[in-house]
Every structure is written in C-alpha cells, then in structure tokens.
C-alpha cells in the first residue's frame, strides 16, 4: 500500500498527539510541518526529522502532501484549512470547526464547492472523545433508558494545556496577525 503523505500545520500542544498517530498508523508518512512560531517549528522539526515551513502554502508548494492535519489554536483553524482545500489537499482539522459562525460558514462553503468535483478535497473534524470508554458507556446508558428521562446534566473534563492554547489572541492580536499572514 502506498503511503499517504501528511503535512502538519500548527506545532503546539495538540500536535504531539497527531505526530504519534501519524507515526503509528500504517500507510501514513509525515513529510513536513508548518508553524509561524519559529521556536515551535524548530522543536517540531527536531523531534520529527522532517522539513519545516513558515506557512501552510509553503509546505503545500514544496511537498504536495495528500492531506494536512490542522492543529493551530482554535481561532486559527479556518485559514490553513482553506489554503489546503484550494490546493486540493484533504484536511483533518482539530475542533472546533471555527472560532465564529462566519468563519465556520467560510469553511463549509469551501468544502461544498469541492464536493461536486471528482476527487475533491474533504475536511474531517476531530471529535475523538466520542470514542472514550466513559463516553461510550454513558451513551449506552442514555440510549437504553436506564437513567430514565434526563432533565439536566453536568460534566467536567480535566485536561492540562499550556495557557496560550485557550487564551491565544484573536486574529487582531499580534500572534493572530502573524499566523494569519502566513497562511
């Protein structure tokens, strides 16, 4: 089976999980990474041994991957995904789909414009928590009626993330402008 060539866009905390998955899934080959943060990019290229690029477009132009994984901060998912789609490259993007409804609609419109073409690029959004054992068991309990009529719920998920994962500035902020300009 021929390997699928994968690029990864955004070398922050969640990228590690994607690097491991790409490494562990037979038939996938990580061919390059991109990030506008030179330090994050340097760490990723050193850890993976693949070339690094300052933008999504540079990675696509140089390596022509079959797909990219977009693991940028939440408010920066759409532009790299649009860049990849425009080049005919499939996208596996971290959740959420987008930071705003308008941004989400831009991505949906781009995907819909490729659906009619043979071999048009597709987008997948990671929602891996539905496969966690606890989530599966809760779904089974709810579906069976074992809990009766559910009138309310509360849940807490404890994850450890670096502060910039959830507090990254909006595209108007310095970090956002730098990343958006590189897409």
C-alpha atoms as a PDB file:
ATOM      1  CA  UNK A   1       0.000   0.000   0.000  1.00  0.00           C
ATOM      2  CA  UNK A   2       1.364   3.402  -0.980  1.00  0.00           C
ATOM      3  CA  UNK A   3       1.929   5.792   1.893  1.00  0.00           C
ATOM      4  CA  UNK A   4      -0.262   8.863   2.221  1.00  0.00           C
ATOM      5  CA  UNK A   5       1.903  11.934   2.591  1.00  0.00           C
ATOM      6  CA  UNK A   6       0.824  14.060   5.569  1.00  0.00           C
ATOM      7  CA  UNK A   7       1.760  17.621   6.489  1.00  0.00           C
ATOM      8  CA  UNK A   8       1.008  19.089   9.901  1.00  0.00           C
ATOM      9  CA  UNK A   9       0.095  22.744  10.380  1.00  0.00           C
ATOM     10  CA  UNK A  10       0.492  24.170  13.908  1.00  0.00           C
ATOM     11  CA  UNK A  11       3.156  22.667  16.164  1.00  0.00           C
ATOM     12  CA  UNK A  12       1.692  23.412  19.607  1.00  0.00           C
ATOM     13  CA  UNK A  13       0.478  21.104  22.378  1.00  0.00           C
ATOM     14  CA  UNK A  14      -2.076  19.027  20.482  1.00  0.00           C
ATOM     15  CA  UNK A  15       0.296  18.394  17.567  1.00  0.00           C
ATOM     16  CA  UNK A  16       2.098  15.779  19.674  1.00  0.00           C
ATOM     17  CA  UNK A  17      -0.977  13.533  19.594  1.00  0.00           C
ATOM     18  CA  UNK A  18      -1.159  13.907  15.810  1.00  0.00           C
ATOM     19  CA  UNK A  19       2.569  13.201  15.386  1.00  0.00           C
ATOM     20  CA  UNK A  20       2.093   9.962  17.362  1.00  0.00           C
ATOM     21  CA  UNK A  21      -0.994   8.946  15.378  1.00  0.00           C
ATOM     22  CA  UNK A  22       0.695   9.611  12.033  1.00  0.00           C
ATOM     23  CA  UNK A  23       3.725   7.613  13.170  1.00  0.00           C
ATOM     24  CA  UNK A  24       1.641   4.701  14.460  1.00  0.00           C
ATOM     25  CA  UNK A  25      -0.849   4.329  11.593  1.00  0.00           C
ATOM     26  CA  UNK A  26       0.436   2.112   8.832  1.00  0.00           C
ATOM     27  CA  UNK A  27       0.363   3.819   5.466  1.00  0.00           C
ATOM     28  CA  UNK A  28       0.872   7.376   6.727  1.00  0.00           C
ATOM     29  CA  UNK A  29       4.100   9.317   6.354  1.00  0.00           C
ATOM     30  CA  UNK A  30       4.733  12.714   7.961  1.00  0.00           C
ATOM     31  CA  UNK A  31       6.510  14.749   5.280  1.00  0.00           C
ATOM     32  CA  UNK A  32       6.622  18.245   6.771  1.00  0.00           C
ATOM     33  CA  UNK A  33       5.401  20.685   9.401  1.00  0.00           C
ATOM     34  CA  UNK A  34       4.475  24.370   9.362  1.00  0.00           C
ATOM     35  CA  UNK A  35       4.155  26.984  12.087  1.00  0.00           C
ATOM     36  CA  UNK A  36       4.637  30.736  12.201  1.00  0.00           C
ATOM     37  CA  UNK A  37       6.257  30.464  15.641  1.00  0.00           C
ATOM     38  CA  UNK A  38       9.948  29.780  14.889  1.00  0.00           C
ATOM     39  CA  UNK A  39      10.538  28.138  18.278  1.00  0.00           C
ATOM     40  CA  UNK A  40       7.589  25.747  17.957  1.00  0.00           C
ATOM     41  CA  UNK A  41       8.629  24.971  14.389  1.00  0.00           C
ATOM     42  CA  UNK A  42      12.206  24.271  15.444  1.00  0.00           C
ATOM     43  CA  UNK A  43      11.083  21.911  18.222  1.00  0.00           C
ATOM     44  CA  UNK A  44       8.835  20.045  15.803  1.00  0.00           C
ATOM     45  CA  UNK A  45      11.449  19.657  13.074  1.00  0.00           C
ATOM     46  CA  UNK A  46      13.994  18.443  15.612  1.00  0.00           C
ATOM     47  CA  UNK A  47      11.537  15.939  17.107  1.00  0.00           C
ATOM     48  CA  UNK A  48      10.262  14.595  13.796  1.00  0.00           C
ATOM     49  CA  UNK A  49      13.203  14.981  11.413  1.00  0.00           C
ATOM     50  CA  UNK A  50      11.005  16.447   8.677  1.00  0.00           C
ATOM     51  CA  UNK A  51      11.376  19.839   6.997  1.00  0.00           C
ATOM     52  CA  UNK A  52       9.654  22.868   8.471  1.00  0.00           C
ATOM     53  CA  UNK A  53       7.903  25.781   6.804  1.00  0.00           C
ATOM     54  CA  UNK A  54       6.646  29.179   7.946  1.00  0.00           C
ATOM     55  CA  UNK A  55       3.270  28.812   6.231  1.00  0.00           C
ATOM     56  CA  UNK A  56       0.700  26.325   5.026  1.00  0.00           C
ATOM     57  CA  UNK A  57       1.184  27.442   1.431  1.00  0.00           C
ATOM     58  CA  UNK A  58       4.963  26.972   1.594  1.00  0.00           C
ATOM     59  CA  UNK A  59       4.529  23.420   2.900  1.00  0.00           C
ATOM     60  CA  UNK A  60       1.976  22.549   0.218  1.00  0.00           C
ATOM     61  CA  UNK A  61       4.031  24.111  -2.585  1.00  0.00           C
ATOM     62  CA  UNK A  62       7.215  22.320  -1.534  1.00  0.00           C
ATOM     63  CA  UNK A  63       5.858  18.889  -0.578  1.00  0.00           C
ATOM     64  CA  UNK A  64       2.442  18.378  -2.243  1.00  0.00           C
ATOM     65  CA  UNK A  65       1.017  16.339   0.662  1.00  0.00           C
ATOM     66  CA  UNK A  66      -2.092  14.201   0.229  1.00  0.00           C
ATOM     67  CA  UNK A  67      -3.522  15.671   3.436  1.00  0.00           C
ATOM     68  CA  UNK A  68      -2.717  18.086   6.236  1.00  0.00           C
ATOM     69  CA  UNK A  69      -3.578  17.968   9.905  1.00  0.00           C
ATOM     70  CA  UNK A  70      -4.520  21.437  11.178  1.00  0.00           C
ATOM     71  CA  UNK A  71      -3.635  21.742  14.870  1.00  0.00           C
ATOM     72  CA  UNK A  72      -3.378  25.507  15.196  1.00  0.00           C
ATOM     73  CA  UNK A  73      -5.004  27.463  18.059  1.00  0.00           C
ATOM     74  CA  UNK A  74      -8.817  27.455  17.998  1.00  0.00           C
ATOM     75  CA  UNK A  75      -9.216  30.842  16.361  1.00  0.00           C
ATOM     76  CA  UNK A  76      -6.758  29.961  13.600  1.00  0.00           C
ATOM     77  CA  UNK A  77      -8.219  26.749  12.151  1.00  0.00           C
ATOM     78  CA  UNK A  78     -10.018  28.057   9.094  1.00  0.00           C
ATOM     79  CA  UNK A  79      -7.358  29.844   7.032  1.00  0.00           C
ATOM     80  CA  UNK A  80      -4.893  26.914   6.838  1.00  0.00           C
ATOM     81  CA  UNK A  81      -7.780  24.588   6.023  1.00  0.00           C
ATOM     82  CA  UNK A  82      -8.958  26.908   3.228  1.00  0.00           C
ATOM     83  CA  UNK A  83      -5.420  27.109   1.860  1.00  0.00           C
ATOM     84  CA  UNK A  84      -5.195  23.320   1.753  1.00  0.00           C
ATOM     85  CA  UNK A  85      -8.640  22.904   0.170  1.00  0.00           C
ATOM     86  CA  UNK A  86      -7.799  25.441  -2.524  1.00  0.00           C
ATOM     87  CA  UNK A  87      -4.761  23.314  -3.399  1.00  0.00           C
ATOM     88  CA  UNK A  88      -6.833  20.106  -3.498  1.00  0.00           C
ATOM     89  CA  UNK A  89      -5.319  18.795  -0.255  1.00  0.00           C
ATOM     90  CA  UNK A  90      -7.511  16.897   2.210  1.00  0.00           C
ATOM     91  CA  UNK A  91      -7.768  18.311   5.748  1.00  0.00           C
ATOM     92  CA  UNK A  92      -8.054  16.712   9.184  1.00  0.00           C
ATOM     93  CA  UNK A  93      -8.718  19.643  11.493  1.00  0.00           C
ATOM     94  CA  UNK A  94      -8.872  19.871  15.250  1.00  0.00           C
ATOM     95  CA  UNK A  95     -12.102  21.004  16.845  1.00  0.00           C
ATOM     96  CA  UNK A  96     -13.771  23.406  16.920  1.00  0.00           C
ATOM     97  CA  UNK A  97     -14.714  23.807  13.277  1.00  0.00           C
ATOM     98  CA  UNK A  98     -14.180  27.567  13.599  1.00  0.00           C
ATOM     99  CA  UNK A  99     -13.997  30.369  16.134  1.00  0.00           C
ATOM    100  CA  UNK A 100     -17.096  32.153  14.827  1.00  0.00           C
ATOM    101  CA  UNK A 101     -20.170  31.213  12.839  1.00  0.00           C
ATOM    102  CA  UNK A 102     -18.992  33.347   9.905  1.00  0.00           C
ATOM    103  CA  UNK A 103     -15.598  31.620   9.833  1.00  0.00           C
ATOM    104  CA  UNK A 104     -17.311  28.240  10.002  1.00  0.00           C
ATOM    105  CA  UNK A 105     -19.528  29.174   7.083  1.00  0.00           C
ATOM    106  CA  UNK A 106     -16.463  30.114   5.021  1.00  0.00           C
ATOM    107  CA  UNK A 107     -15.099  26.603   5.544  1.00  0.00           C
ATOM    108  CA  UNK A 108     -18.429  24.901   4.853  1.00  0.00           C
ATOM    109  CA  UNK A 109     -18.815  26.921   1.632  1.00  0.00           C
ATOM    110  CA  UNK A 110     -15.312  25.935   0.519  1.00  0.00           C
ATOM    111  CA  UNK A 111     -15.992  22.250   1.179  1.00  0.00           C
ATOM    112  CA  UNK A 112     -19.313  22.395  -0.655  1.00  0.00           C
ATOM    113  CA  UNK A 113     -17.587  23.943  -3.664  1.00  0.00           C
ATOM    114  CA  UNK A 114     -15.257  20.899  -3.912  1.00  0.00           C
ATOM    115  CA  UNK A 115     -17.894  18.182  -3.320  1.00  0.00           C
ATOM    116  CA  UNK A 116     -19.110  18.147  -6.907  1.00  0.00           C
ATOM    117  CA  UNK A 117     -15.677  17.556  -8.374  1.00  0.00           C
ATOM    118  CA  UNK A 118     -14.276  14.057  -8.724  1.00  0.00           C
ATOM    119  CA  UNK A 119     -11.552  13.687  -6.141  1.00  0.00           C
ATOM    120  CA  UNK A 120     -12.439  16.990  -4.467  1.00  0.00           C
ATOM    121  CA  UNK A 121     -10.627  17.610  -1.185  1.00  0.00           C
ATOM    122  CA  UNK A 122     -12.519  16.775   2.004  1.00  0.00           C
ATOM    123  CA  UNK A 123     -12.393  18.062   5.585  1.00  0.00           C
ATOM    124  CA  UNK A 124     -12.679  15.969   8.726  1.00  0.00           C
ATOM    125  CA  UNK A 125     -13.028  17.447  12.216  1.00  0.00           C
ATOM    126  CA  UNK A 126     -11.566  15.572  15.197  1.00  0.00           C
ATOM    127  CA  UNK A 127     -14.135  14.611  17.804  1.00  0.00           C
ATOM    128  CA  UNK A 128     -12.143  11.797  19.376  1.00  0.00           C
ATOM    129  CA  UNK A 129     -13.803  11.967  22.797  1.00  0.00           C
ATOM    130  CA  UNK A 130     -16.842  10.109  21.472  1.00  0.00           C
ATOM    131  CA  UNK A 131     -14.581   7.033  21.399  1.00  0.00           C
ATOM    132  CA  UNK A 132     -13.518   7.289  25.052  1.00  0.00           C
ATOM    133  CA  UNK A 133     -14.804   4.368  27.090  1.00  0.00           C
ATOM    134  CA  UNK A 134     -16.643   6.649  29.542  1.00  0.00           C
ATOM    135  CA  UNK A 135     -18.409   8.469  26.675  1.00  0.00           C
ATOM    136  CA  UNK A 136     -19.422   5.184  25.063  1.00  0.00           C
ATOM    137  CA  UNK A 137     -20.810   3.783  28.325  1.00  0.00           C
ATOM    138  CA  UNK A 138     -22.779   6.950  29.040  1.00  0.00           C
ATOM    139  CA  UNK A 139     -24.241   6.852  25.532  1.00  0.00           C
ATOM    140  CA  UNK A 140     -25.293   3.225  26.076  1.00  0.00           C
ATOM    141  CA  UNK A 141     -26.937   4.100  29.411  1.00  0.00           C
ATOM    142  CA  UNK A 142     -28.827   7.039  27.901  1.00  0.00           C
ATOM    143  CA  UNK A 143     -29.928   5.050  24.856  1.00  0.00           C
ATOM    144  CA  UNK A 144     -31.150   2.134  26.981  1.00  0.00           C
ATOM    145  CA  UNK A 145     -33.395   4.336  29.116  1.00  0.00           C
ATOM    146  CA  UNK A 146     -31.663   3.000  32.234  1.00  0.00           C
ATOM    147  CA  UNK A 147     -31.377   6.539  33.605  1.00  0.00           C
ATOM    148  CA  UNK A 148     -34.969   7.470  32.827  1.00  0.00           C
ATOM    149  CA  UNK A 149     -35.812  10.899  31.455  1.00  0.00           C
ATOM    150  CA  UNK A 150     -32.750  13.107  31.675  1.00  0.00           C
ATOM    151  CA  UNK A 151     -33.706  16.571  32.874  1.00  0.00           C
ATOM    152  CA  UNK A 152     -30.281  18.040  33.304  1.00  0.00           C
ATOM    153  CA  UNK A 153     -26.623  17.138  33.274  1.00  0.00           C
ATOM    154  CA  UNK A 154     -23.269  18.446  34.310  1.00  0.00           C
ATOM    155  CA  UNK A 155     -19.851  17.230  33.226  1.00  0.00           C
ATOM    156  CA  UNK A 156     -16.273  18.204  33.787  1.00  0.00           C
ATOM    157  CA  UNK A 157     -13.269  17.306  31.680  1.00  0.00           C
ATOM    158  CA  UNK A 158      -9.853  17.869  33.181  1.00  0.00           C
ATOM    159  CA  UNK A 159      -7.082  18.465  30.652  1.00  0.00           C
ATOM    160  CA  UNK A 160      -3.704  20.049  31.103  1.00  0.00           C
ATOM    161  CA  UNK A 161      -2.823  22.559  28.412  1.00  0.00           C
ATOM    162  CA  UNK A 162      -0.471  25.457  28.107  1.00  0.00           C
ATOM    163  CA  UNK A 163      -2.124  28.837  28.768  1.00  0.00           C
ATOM    164  CA  UNK A 164      -1.758  30.028  25.157  1.00  0.00           C
ATOM    165  CA  UNK A 165      -3.949  27.156  23.892  1.00  0.00           C
ATOM    166  CA  UNK A 166      -7.139  28.771  25.136  1.00  0.00           C
ATOM    167  CA  UNK A 167      -6.073  32.391  25.518  1.00  0.00           C
ATOM    168  CA  UNK A 168      -4.474  32.951  22.117  1.00  0.00           C
ATOM    169  CA  UNK A 169      -5.270  36.439  20.876  1.00  0.00           C
ATOM    170  CA  UNK A 170      -7.898  36.853  18.229  1.00  0.00           C
ATOM    171  CA  UNK A 171      -6.675  37.406  14.662  1.00  0.00           C
ATOM    172  CA  UNK A 172      -6.336  41.121  15.522  1.00  0.00           C
ATOM    173  CA  UNK A 173      -3.734  40.307  18.178  1.00  0.00           C
ATOM    174  CA  UNK A 174      -0.018  40.096  17.462  1.00  0.00           C
ATOM    175  CA  UNK A 175       0.149  36.305  17.417  1.00  0.00           C
ATOM    176  CA  UNK A 176      -3.018  36.032  15.344  1.00  0.00           C
ATOM    177  CA  UNK A 177      -1.792  38.565  12.779  1.00  0.00           C
ATOM    178  CA  UNK A 178       1.495  36.734  12.379  1.00  0.00           C
ATOM    179  CA  UNK A 179      -0.175  33.361  11.920  1.00  0.00           C
ATOM    180  CA  UNK A 180      -2.924  34.659   9.650  1.00  0.00           C
ATOM    181  CA  UNK A 181      -0.419  36.417   7.427  1.00  0.00           C
ATOM    182  CA  UNK A 182       1.492  33.171   6.990  1.00  0.00           C
ATOM    183  CA  UNK A 183      -1.468  31.049   5.904  1.00  0.00           C
END
